[in-house]
Amino acid sequence: MMVFPRENLVFFAVPKTGTTAIEAALDARAAIVLRDPPPLKHMTVASYQNSLRPLLKADYEMMAVIRHPLDWHGSHYRYRTRPALKGTARSTAEISFADFIARMLTPGNPEAEGSQSRFLSLKDGRCPVQHLFRYEAQERILVFLADRFGGPVELPVVNVSPRRVLDLPKDLQAAHETRFARCYDMWEAAQH
């Protein structure tokens, strides 16, 4: 998460949405950068509203990036193939994407990834983020940042997950769309 008082902007680092590249590009311009531990870097909108916003005493505009929900889980799946996780319950190196999604859909699964809609919403379910962009709309994101920061912003290529096949049976895809309907709705409504 980064706060830019001069640009009247708070940027939320939604996991697996290219935020590391945006952070690398804009780090030096931020008045506040929350990097570590991960719960601070990936502070949710609700946590911000309850804890940091009152300290800032300002109503900054909010920006975030949302990824297509199936692609978002695909990024988690690919990321979890890394050697550091080999042999752990979180590793996906030895399972198919379909098996991973089935695990994510299992009620009460403690390993299940959170949801982007929960990350971006207040406790009452509203998403107050004024500048919500689809991950796939990189050009639009760059235009917004250039306008807000007064010049071009170049995003480095960082933190790229390895390629893996992301095949999914239609019934599992339908179950994913049902379970993460709010995420799909938010992604549909985001700027593209």
C-alpha atoms as a PDB file:
ATOM      1  CA  MET A   1       0.000   0.000   0.000  1.00  0.00           C
ATOM      2  CA  MET A   2       1.195   3.487  -0.806  1.00  0.00           C
ATOM      3  CA  VAL A   3      -0.108   6.939   0.098  1.00  0.00           C
ATOM      4  CA  PHE A   4       0.468   9.961  -2.152  1.00  0.00           C
ATOM      5  CA  PRO A   5      -0.808  13.143  -0.442  1.00  0.00           C
ATOM      6  CA  ARG A   6       0.312  15.466  -3.271  1.00  0.00           C
ATOM      7  CA  GLU A   7      -1.517  13.340  -5.812  1.00  0.00           C
ATOM      8  CA  ASN A   8      -4.497  12.829  -3.450  1.00  0.00           C
ATOM      9  CA  LEU A   9      -4.247   9.068  -3.873  1.00  0.00           C
ATOM     10  CA  VAL A  10      -4.012   5.843  -1.893  1.00  0.00           C
ATOM     11  CA  PHE A  11      -2.921   2.776  -3.852  1.00  0.00           C
ATOM     12  CA  PHE A  12      -4.037  -0.624  -2.534  1.00  0.00           C
ATOM     13  CA  ALA A  13      -1.769  -3.596  -3.183  1.00  0.00           C
ATOM     14  CA  VAL A  14      -4.284  -6.321  -4.033  1.00  0.00           C
ATOM     15  CA  PRO A  15      -2.210  -9.538  -4.099  1.00  0.00           C
ATOM     16  CA  LYS A  16      -1.374 -11.016  -7.517  1.00  0.00           C
ATOM     17  CA  THR A  17      -2.498  -7.959  -9.514  1.00  0.00           C
ATOM     18  CA  GLY A  18       0.846  -6.517 -10.613  1.00  0.00           C
ATOM     19  CA  THR A  19       1.156  -4.262  -7.599  1.00  0.00           C
ATOM     20  CA  THR A  20       4.851  -4.993  -7.120  1.00  0.00           C
ATOM     21  CA  ALA A  21       5.563  -3.336 -10.479  1.00  0.00           C
ATOM     22  CA  ILE A  22       3.491  -0.261  -9.591  1.00  0.00           C
ATOM     23  CA  GLU A  23       5.206  -0.068  -6.215  1.00  0.00           C
ATOM     24  CA  ALA A  24       8.636  -0.279  -7.855  1.00  0.00           C
ATOM     25  CA  ALA A  25       7.747   2.495 -10.294  1.00  0.00           C
ATOM     26  CA  LEU A  26       6.222   4.897  -7.742  1.00  0.00           C
ATOM     27  CA  ASP A  27       8.005   4.032  -4.493  1.00  0.00           C
ATOM     28  CA  ALA A  28      10.143   7.186  -4.402  1.00  0.00           C
ATOM     29  CA  ARG A  29       7.107   9.439  -4.894  1.00  0.00           C
ATOM     30  CA  ALA A  30       5.056   8.003  -2.022  1.00  0.00           C
ATOM     31  CA  ALA A  31       4.856   9.697   1.349  1.00  0.00           C
ATOM     32  CA  ILE A  32       3.964   6.378   2.982  1.00  0.00           C
ATOM     33  CA  VAL A  33       4.893   2.900   1.755  1.00  0.00           C
ATOM     34  CA  LEU A  34       3.761  -0.172   3.664  1.00  0.00           C
ATOM     35  CA  ARG A  35       5.957  -3.079   2.557  1.00  0.00           C
ATOM     36  CA  ASP A  36       6.283  -5.525   5.389  1.00  0.00           C
ATOM     37  CA  PRO A  37       4.843  -7.626   6.892  1.00  0.00           C
ATOM     38  CA  PRO A  38       2.464  -8.787   4.121  1.00  0.00           C
ATOM     39  CA  PRO A  39      -0.716  -7.894   6.068  1.00  0.00           C
ATOM     40  CA  LEU A  40       0.452  -4.249   6.022  1.00  0.00           C
ATOM     41  CA  LYS A  41       1.580  -4.283   2.389  1.00  0.00           C
ATOM     42  CA  HIS A  42      -1.732  -5.870   1.434  1.00  0.00           C
ATOM     43  CA  MET A  43      -3.898  -3.796   3.776  1.00  0.00           C
ATOM     44  CA  THR A  44      -7.558  -4.178   2.847  1.00  0.00           C
ATOM     45  CA  VAL A  45      -9.850  -1.252   2.157  1.00  0.00           C
ATOM     46  CA  ALA A  46     -11.771  -1.970   5.377  1.00  0.00           C
ATOM     47  CA  SER A  47      -8.572  -2.062   7.445  1.00  0.00           C
ATOM     48  CA  TYR A  48      -7.438   1.205   5.860  1.00  0.00           C
ATOM     49  CA  GLN A  49     -10.774   2.870   6.658  1.00  0.00           C
ATOM     50  CA  ASN A  50     -10.612   1.692  10.273  1.00  0.00           C
ATOM     51  CA  SER A  51      -6.935   2.195  11.087  1.00  0.00           C
ATOM     52  CA  LEU A  52      -4.840   4.322   8.707  1.00  0.00           C
ATOM     53  CA  ARG A  53      -7.386   6.753   7.253  1.00  0.00           C
ATOM     54  CA  PRO A  54      -8.237   8.293  10.670  1.00  0.00           C
ATOM     55  CA  LEU A  55      -4.516   8.900  11.277  1.00  0.00           C
ATOM     56  CA  LEU A  56      -4.101  10.599   7.892  1.00  0.00           C
ATOM     57  CA  LYS A  57      -7.052  12.904   8.550  1.00  0.00           C
ATOM     58  CA  ALA A  58      -7.737  13.122   4.820  1.00  0.00           C
ATOM     59  CA  ASP A  59     -10.112  11.605   2.296  1.00  0.00           C
ATOM     60  CA  TYR A  60      -7.716  10.554  -0.424  1.00  0.00           C
ATOM     61  CA  GLU A  61      -9.039   8.981  -3.599  1.00  0.00           C
ATOM     62  CA  MET A  62      -8.442   5.251  -3.782  1.00  0.00           C
ATOM     63  CA  MET A  63      -6.920   3.208  -6.591  1.00  0.00           C
ATOM     64  CA  ALA A  64      -6.669  -0.553  -6.993  1.00  0.00           C
ATOM     65  CA  VAL A  65      -6.307  -3.200  -9.661  1.00  0.00           C
ATOM     66  CA  ILE A  66      -8.577  -6.240  -9.886  1.00  0.00           C
ATOM     67  CA  ARG A  67      -7.773  -9.324 -11.914  1.00  0.00           C
ATOM     68  CA  HIS A  68     -10.248 -11.634 -13.650  1.00  0.00           C
ATOM     69  CA  PRO A  69     -11.141 -14.018 -10.795  1.00  0.00           C
ATOM     70  CA  LEU A  70     -10.115 -17.197 -12.587  1.00  0.00           C
ATOM     71  CA  ASP A  71      -6.868 -15.616 -13.764  1.00  0.00           C
ATOM     72  CA  TRP A  72      -6.292 -14.338 -10.208  1.00  0.00           C
ATOM     73  CA  HIS A  73      -6.550 -17.868  -8.836  1.00  0.00           C
ATOM     74  CA  GLY A  74      -4.390 -19.019 -11.758  1.00  0.00           C
ATOM     75  CA  SER A  75      -1.682 -16.603 -10.655  1.00  0.00           C
ATOM     76  CA  HIS A  76      -1.851 -17.960  -7.098  1.00  0.00           C
ATOM     77  CA  TYR A  77      -1.662 -21.485  -8.497  1.00  0.00           C
ATOM     78  CA  ARG A  78       1.425 -20.694 -10.585  1.00  0.00           C
ATOM     79  CA  TYR A  79       3.094 -18.735  -7.764  1.00  0.00           C
ATOM     80  CA  ARG A  80       2.678 -21.639  -5.372  1.00  0.00           C
ATOM     81  CA  THR A  81       4.728 -23.937  -7.652  1.00  0.00           C
ATOM     82  CA  ARG A  82       7.928 -22.205  -6.564  1.00  0.00           C
ATOM     83  CA  PRO A  83      10.671 -24.426  -5.100  1.00  0.00           C
ATOM     84  CA  ALA A  84      10.451 -22.813  -1.642  1.00  0.00           C
ATOM     85  CA  LEU A  85       7.024 -24.413  -1.174  1.00  0.00           C
ATOM     86  CA  LYS A  86       7.947 -27.860  -2.517  1.00  0.00           C
ATOM     87  CA  GLY A  87       6.824 -30.576  -0.127  1.00  0.00           C
ATOM     88  CA  THR A  88       4.440 -28.302   1.795  1.00  0.00           C
ATOM     89  CA  ALA A  89       0.637 -28.409   1.827  1.00  0.00           C
ATOM     90  CA  ARG A  90       0.555 -25.043   0.005  1.00  0.00           C
ATOM     91  CA  SER A  91       2.624 -26.274  -2.928  1.00  0.00           C
ATOM     92  CA  THR A  92       0.778 -26.709  -6.226  1.00  0.00           C
ATOM     93  CA  ALA A  93       3.747 -28.209  -8.075  1.00  0.00           C
ATOM     94  CA  GLU A  94       2.223 -31.680  -8.143  1.00  0.00           C
ATOM     95  CA  ILE A  95      -1.477 -30.899  -8.673  1.00  0.00           C
ATOM     96  CA  SER A  96      -3.560 -29.757 -11.623  1.00  0.00           C
ATOM     97  CA  PHE A  97      -5.263 -26.377 -11.827  1.00  0.00           C
ATOM     98  CA  ALA A  98      -8.614 -28.175 -11.628  1.00  0.00           C
ATOM     99  CA  ASP A  99      -7.572 -29.810  -8.344  1.00  0.00           C
ATOM    100  CA  PHE A 100      -6.384 -26.442  -7.030  1.00  0.00           C
ATOM    101  CA  ILE A 101      -9.695 -24.753  -7.880  1.00  0.00           C
ATOM    102  CA  ALA A 102     -11.627 -27.646  -6.335  1.00  0.00           C
ATOM    103  CA  ARG A 103      -9.613 -27.081  -3.131  1.00  0.00           C
ATOM    104  CA  MET A 104     -10.360 -23.346  -3.252  1.00  0.00           C
ATOM    105  CA  LEU A 105     -14.073 -24.136  -3.540  1.00  0.00           C
ATOM    106  CA  THR A 106     -14.100 -26.529  -0.582  1.00  0.00           C
ATOM    107  CA  PRO A 107     -16.021 -24.859   2.271  1.00  0.00           C
ATOM    108  CA  GLY A 108     -13.864 -24.140   5.297  1.00  0.00           C
ATOM    109  CA  ASN A 109     -10.584 -24.846   3.504  1.00  0.00           C
ATOM    110  CA  PRO A 110      -7.974 -22.957   5.561  1.00  0.00           C
ATOM    111  CA  GLU A 111      -5.659 -22.840   2.521  1.00  0.00           C
ATOM    112  CA  ALA A 112      -8.209 -21.100   0.322  1.00  0.00           C
ATOM    113  CA  GLU A 113      -7.028 -17.793  -1.037  1.00  0.00           C
ATOM    114  CA  GLY A 114      -9.055 -14.778   0.035  1.00  0.00           C
ATOM    115  CA  SER A 115     -11.222 -12.972  -2.437  1.00  0.00           C
ATOM    116  CA  GLN A 116     -10.540  -9.726  -4.220  1.00  0.00           C
ATOM    117  CA  SER A 117     -14.063  -8.492  -3.478  1.00  0.00           C
ATOM    118  CA  ARG A 118     -13.511  -8.963   0.252  1.00  0.00           C
ATOM    119  CA  PHE A 119     -10.172  -7.146  -0.046  1.00  0.00           C
ATOM    120  CA  LEU A 120     -11.763  -4.164  -1.812  1.00  0.00           C
ATOM    121  CA  SER A 121     -14.962  -3.880   0.235  1.00  0.00           C
ATOM    122  CA  LEU A 122     -15.997  -2.279   3.471  1.00  0.00           C
ATOM    123  CA  LYS A 123     -17.729  -4.334   6.145  1.00  0.00           C
ATOM    124  CA  ASP A 124     -21.126  -3.421   4.643  1.00  0.00           C
ATOM    125  CA  GLY A 125     -20.058  -4.846   1.258  1.00  0.00           C
ATOM    126  CA  ARG A 126     -19.608  -1.529  -0.552  1.00  0.00           C
ATOM    127  CA  CYS A 127     -16.478  -0.919  -2.620  1.00  0.00           C
ATOM    128  CA  PRO A 128     -15.441   2.730  -2.135  1.00  0.00           C
ATOM    129  CA  VAL A 129     -12.485   2.531  -4.563  1.00  0.00           C
ATOM    130  CA  GLN A 130     -12.994   5.324  -7.106  1.00  0.00           C
ATOM    131  CA  HIS A 131     -10.278   4.169  -9.516  1.00  0.00           C
ATOM    132  CA  LEU A 132     -10.649   0.421  -9.958  1.00  0.00           C
ATOM    133  CA  PHE A 133      -8.880  -0.967 -13.002  1.00  0.00           C
ATOM    134  CA  ARG A 134      -8.869  -4.373 -14.596  1.00  0.00           C
ATOM    135  CA  TYR A 135      -5.426  -5.973 -14.484  1.00  0.00           C
ATOM    136  CA  GLU A 136      -5.786  -6.620 -18.199  1.00  0.00           C
ATOM    137  CA  ALA A 137      -6.167  -2.853 -18.850  1.00  0.00           C
ATOM    138  CA  GLN A 138      -2.479  -2.009 -18.414  1.00  0.00           C
ATOM    139  CA  GLU A 139      -2.576   0.829 -20.952  1.00  0.00           C
ATOM    140  CA  ARG A 140      -5.492   2.476 -19.160  1.00  0.00           C
ATOM    141  CA  ILE A 141      -3.678   2.121 -15.820  1.00  0.00           C
ATOM    142  CA  LEU A 142      -0.579   3.794 -17.288  1.00  0.00           C
ATOM    143  CA  VAL A 143      -2.651   6.662 -18.722  1.00  0.00           C
ATOM    144  CA  PHE A 144      -4.281   7.225 -15.325  1.00  0.00           C
ATOM    145  CA  LEU A 145      -0.922   7.166 -13.517  1.00  0.00           C
ATOM    146  CA  ALA A 146       0.701   9.495 -16.065  1.00  0.00           C
ATOM    147  CA  ASP A 147      -2.154  11.959 -15.661  1.00  0.00           C
ATOM    148  CA  ARG A 148      -2.092  11.757 -11.864  1.00  0.00           C
ATOM    149  CA  PHE A 149       1.717  11.948 -11.543  1.00  0.00           C
ATOM    150  CA  GLY A 150       2.326  14.490 -14.309  1.00  0.00           C
ATOM    151  CA  GLY A 151       4.307  12.313 -16.708  1.00  0.00           C
ATOM    152  CA  PRO A 152       4.846   8.805 -18.025  1.00  0.00           C
ATOM    153  CA  VAL A 153       5.189   5.973 -15.546  1.00  0.00           C
ATOM    154  CA  GLU A 154       7.170   2.921 -16.643  1.00  0.00           C
ATOM    155  CA  LEU A 155       6.324  -0.357 -14.966  1.00  0.00           C
ATOM    156  CA  PRO A 156       9.183  -2.846 -14.628  1.00  0.00           C
ATOM    157  CA  VAL A 157       8.563  -6.534 -15.179  1.00  0.00           C
ATOM    158  CA  VAL A 158       8.869  -8.098 -11.716  1.00  0.00           C
ATOM    159  CA  ASN A 159       7.484 -10.988  -9.686  1.00  0.00           C
ATOM    160  CA  VAL A 160       6.271 -13.002 -12.697  1.00  0.00           C
ATOM    161  CA  SER A 161       4.909 -16.453 -11.886  1.00  0.00           C
ATOM    162  CA  PRO A 162       6.003 -19.440 -14.000  1.00  0.00           C
ATOM    163  CA  ARG A 163       3.765 -20.545 -16.864  1.00  0.00           C
ATOM    164  CA  ARG A 164       1.424 -23.494 -16.238  1.00  0.00           C
ATOM    165  CA  VAL A 165      -1.559 -24.965 -18.023  1.00  0.00           C
ATOM    166  CA  LEU A 166      -4.791 -23.566 -16.588  1.00  0.00           C
ATOM    167  CA  ASP A 167      -7.378 -25.970 -18.028  1.00  0.00           C
ATOM    168  CA  LEU A 168     -10.634 -26.220 -16.139  1.00  0.00           C
ATOM    169  CA  PRO A 169     -13.743 -28.379 -16.754  1.00  0.00           C
ATOM    170  CA  LYS A 170     -16.927 -26.375 -17.452  1.00  0.00           C
ATOM    171  CA  ASP A 171     -18.658 -27.564 -14.260  1.00  0.00           C
ATOM    172  CA  LEU A 172     -15.740 -26.398 -12.120  1.00  0.00           C
ATOM    173  CA  GLN A 173     -15.617 -23.082 -13.959  1.00  0.00           C
ATOM    174  CA  ALA A 174     -19.353 -22.610 -13.333  1.00  0.00           C
ATOM    175  CA  ALA A 175     -18.882 -23.422  -9.632  1.00  0.00           C
ATOM    176  CA  HIS A 176     -16.041 -20.875  -9.487  1.00  0.00           C
ATOM    177  CA  GLU A 177     -18.237 -18.207 -11.111  1.00  0.00           C
ATOM    178  CA  THR A 178     -20.983 -18.904  -8.567  1.00  0.00           C
ATOM    179  CA  ARG A 179     -18.687 -18.925  -5.514  1.00  0.00           C
ATOM    180  CA  PHE A 180     -16.832 -15.774  -6.571  1.00  0.00           C
ATOM    181  CA  ALA A 181     -19.789 -13.963  -8.187  1.00  0.00           C
ATOM    182  CA  ARG A 182     -19.052 -10.718  -6.331  1.00  0.00           C
ATOM    183  CA  CYS A 183     -15.459 -10.761  -7.657  1.00  0.00           C
ATOM    184  CA  TYR A 184     -16.724 -11.324 -11.203  1.00  0.00           C
ATOM    185  CA  ASP A 185     -19.201  -8.432 -10.795  1.00  0.00           C
ATOM    186  CA  MET A 186     -16.473  -6.090  -9.529  1.00  0.00           C
ATOM    187  CA  TRP A 187     -14.140  -7.113 -12.347  1.00  0.00           C
ATOM    188  CA  GLU A 188     -16.917  -6.492 -14.897  1.00  0.00           C
ATOM    189  CA  ALA A 189     -17.532  -3.022 -13.455  1.00  0.00           C
ATOM    190  CA  ALA A 190     -13.826  -2.058 -13.318  1.00  0.00           C
ATOM    191  CA  GLN A 191     -12.311   0.276 -15.882  1.00  0.00           C
ATOM    192  CA  HIS A 192     -11.055  -1.532 -18.958  1.00  0.00           C
END
